[in-house]
Amino acid sequence: MSRNPTKLRVYHDAHGLVLAVFRYGETFPASQRFVIRQQLYRAALSIVCNVVEGCARRTVGEYRHFVSIALGSAREAAYLIDLAGELSYLPPAAVQDCRLRCRTVVGSLQNLARALENLD
């Protein structure tokens, strides 16, 4: 298993989610730019940053820990995307795109977590 994050599918999936979230975040109303939007940005960034940090850790256990944190951040981002959609801060097409991206990231993280468990 590669410790180079750019060789992992989950890295590219998560990076794509970050780009989409930042692009769509521009549609938020001004009153929410420093509340839900910022939290969504942080959650999405946390996913890819934890994958990168996990890859740099010395032990498989540490790597798994950071993948677990990334999975929590992905679930948080999914909730915030749904909330933004319900509040009409994101257009329906953006919500759909981000939901699909989140599901893909969650699946990729779960696959990575399983692969790391098998290394014990």
Protein backbone atom coordinates (compact mmCIF):
# COMPACT_ATOMS: atom_id res chain seq x y z
CA MET A 1 0.00 0.00 0.00
CA SER A 2 1.38 3.37 -1.01
CA ARG A 3 2.31 5.97 1.56
CA ASN A 4 2.28 8.58 -1.20
CA PRO A 5 -1.17 10.15 -0.83
CA THR A 6 -1.32 11.27 -4.44
CA LYS A 7 -1.28 7.60 -5.48
CA LEU A 8 -4.43 6.85 -3.49
CA ARG A 9 -7.87 7.06 -5.07
CA VAL A 10 -9.30 8.52 -1.86
CA TYR A 11 -6.90 11.46 -2.09
CA HIS A 12 -8.18 12.38 -5.55
CA ASP A 13 -11.82 11.80 -4.56
CA ALA A 14 -11.43 14.00 -1.48
CA HIS A 15 -9.53 16.67 -3.40
CA GLY A 16 -12.36 16.78 -5.95
CA LEU A 17 -14.86 17.24 -3.13
CA VAL A 18 -12.82 20.14 -1.72
CA LEU A 19 -12.73 21.86 -5.11
CA ALA A 20 -16.49 21.40 -5.56
CA VAL A 21 -17.30 22.64 -2.05
CA PHE A 22 -15.18 25.74 -2.51
CA ARG A 23 -16.69 26.42 -5.93
CA TYR A 24 -20.27 25.91 -4.77
CA GLY A 25 -19.64 27.74 -1.51
CA GLU A 26 -19.69 30.99 -3.44
CA THR A 27 -23.47 30.60 -3.77
CA PHE A 28 -24.07 30.86 -0.01
CA PRO A 29 -25.84 34.01 1.18
CA ALA A 30 -23.55 36.61 2.71
CA SER A 31 -25.03 36.00 6.16
CA GLN A 32 -23.81 32.39 6.08
CA ARG A 33 -20.35 32.91 4.67
CA PHE A 34 -18.79 32.70 8.14
CA VAL A 35 -21.05 30.07 9.65
CA ILE A 36 -22.16 26.98 7.70
CA ARG A 37 -19.96 27.66 4.68
CA GLN A 38 -16.79 27.94 6.76
CA GLN A 39 -17.65 24.77 8.68
CA LEU A 40 -18.25 22.94 5.39
CA TYR A 41 -14.91 24.19 4.06
CA ARG A 42 -13.14 22.97 7.20
CA ALA A 43 -14.83 19.56 7.12
CA ALA A 44 -14.01 18.98 3.44
CA LEU A 45 -10.40 20.12 3.89
CA SER A 46 -10.05 17.95 6.96
CA ILE A 47 -10.78 14.83 4.91
CA VAL A 48 -7.89 15.22 2.49
CA CYS A 49 -5.54 16.71 5.10
CA ASN A 50 -6.04 13.73 7.41
CA VAL A 51 -5.39 11.29 4.57
CA VAL A 52 -2.16 13.14 3.77
CA GLU A 53 -1.13 13.28 7.42
CA GLY A 54 -1.98 9.62 7.95
CA CYS A 55 0.24 8.64 5.04
CA ALA A 56 3.15 10.41 6.74
CA ARG A 57 2.77 8.58 10.05
CA ARG A 58 5.15 5.83 11.03
CA THR A 59 2.79 3.08 12.10
CA VAL A 60 -0.23 1.47 10.53
CA GLY A 61 -2.18 2.19 13.72
CA GLU A 62 -1.50 5.91 13.40
CA TYR A 63 -2.42 5.79 9.71
CA ARG A 64 -5.72 4.08 10.60
CA HIS A 65 -6.41 6.73 13.23
CA PHE A 66 -6.12 9.54 10.68
CA VAL A 67 -8.27 7.64 8.19
CA SER A 68 -10.90 7.33 10.93
CA ILE A 69 -10.78 11.08 11.53
CA ALA A 70 -11.11 11.66 7.78
CA LEU A 71 -14.19 9.43 7.72
CA GLY A 72 -15.75 11.48 10.52
CA SER A 73 -15.03 14.67 8.59
CA ALA A 74 -16.62 13.17 5.47
CA ARG A 75 -19.79 12.39 7.41
CA GLU A 76 -19.77 15.92 8.81
CA ALA A 77 -19.38 17.39 5.31
CA ALA A 78 -22.27 15.23 4.07
CA TYR A 79 -24.51 16.56 6.85
CA LEU A 80 -23.54 20.16 6.14
CA ILE A 81 -24.22 19.71 2.42
CA ASP A 82 -27.68 18.34 3.22
CA LEU A 83 -28.31 21.21 5.63
CA ALA A 84 -27.19 23.80 3.07
CA GLY A 85 -29.54 22.22 0.55
CA GLU A 86 -32.51 22.25 2.93
CA LEU A 87 -31.85 25.90 3.70
CA SER A 88 -31.54 26.67 -0.04
CA TYR A 89 -27.97 27.91 0.39
CA LEU A 90 -26.89 25.53 -2.38
CA PRO A 91 -28.78 24.93 -5.62
CA PRO A 92 -30.19 21.39 -6.03
CA ALA A 93 -27.64 20.44 -8.71
CA ALA A 94 -24.77 21.42 -6.39
CA VAL A 95 -26.28 19.43 -3.52
CA GLN A 96 -26.62 16.38 -5.77
CA ASP A 97 -23.05 16.70 -7.04
CA CYS A 98 -21.61 17.13 -3.54
CA ARG A 99 -23.69 14.27 -2.11
CA LEU A 100 -22.37 11.94 -4.81
CA ARG A 101 -18.82 13.10 -4.17
CA CYS A 102 -19.25 12.55 -0.42
CA ARG A 103 -20.60 9.02 -0.95
CA THR A 104 -17.62 8.25 -3.16
CA VAL A 105 -15.18 9.63 -0.58
CA VAL A 106 -16.83 7.70 2.26
CA GLY A 107 -16.63 4.49 0.22
CA SER A 108 -12.98 5.10 -0.62
CA LEU A 109 -12.16 5.81 3.02
CA GLN A 110 -13.96 2.67 4.16
CA ASN A 111 -11.99 0.63 1.61
CA LEU A 112 -8.72 2.18 2.80
CA ALA A 113 -9.63 1.51 6.43
CA ARG A 114 -10.37 -2.17 5.62
CA ALA A 115 -7.06 -2.49 3.76
CA LEU A 116 -5.21 -1.03 6.74
CA GLU A 117 -6.97 -3.41 9.15
CA ASN A 118 -5.73 -6.34 7.08
CA LEU A 119 -2.13 -5.20 7.60
CA ASP A 120 -2.20 -6.11 11.29
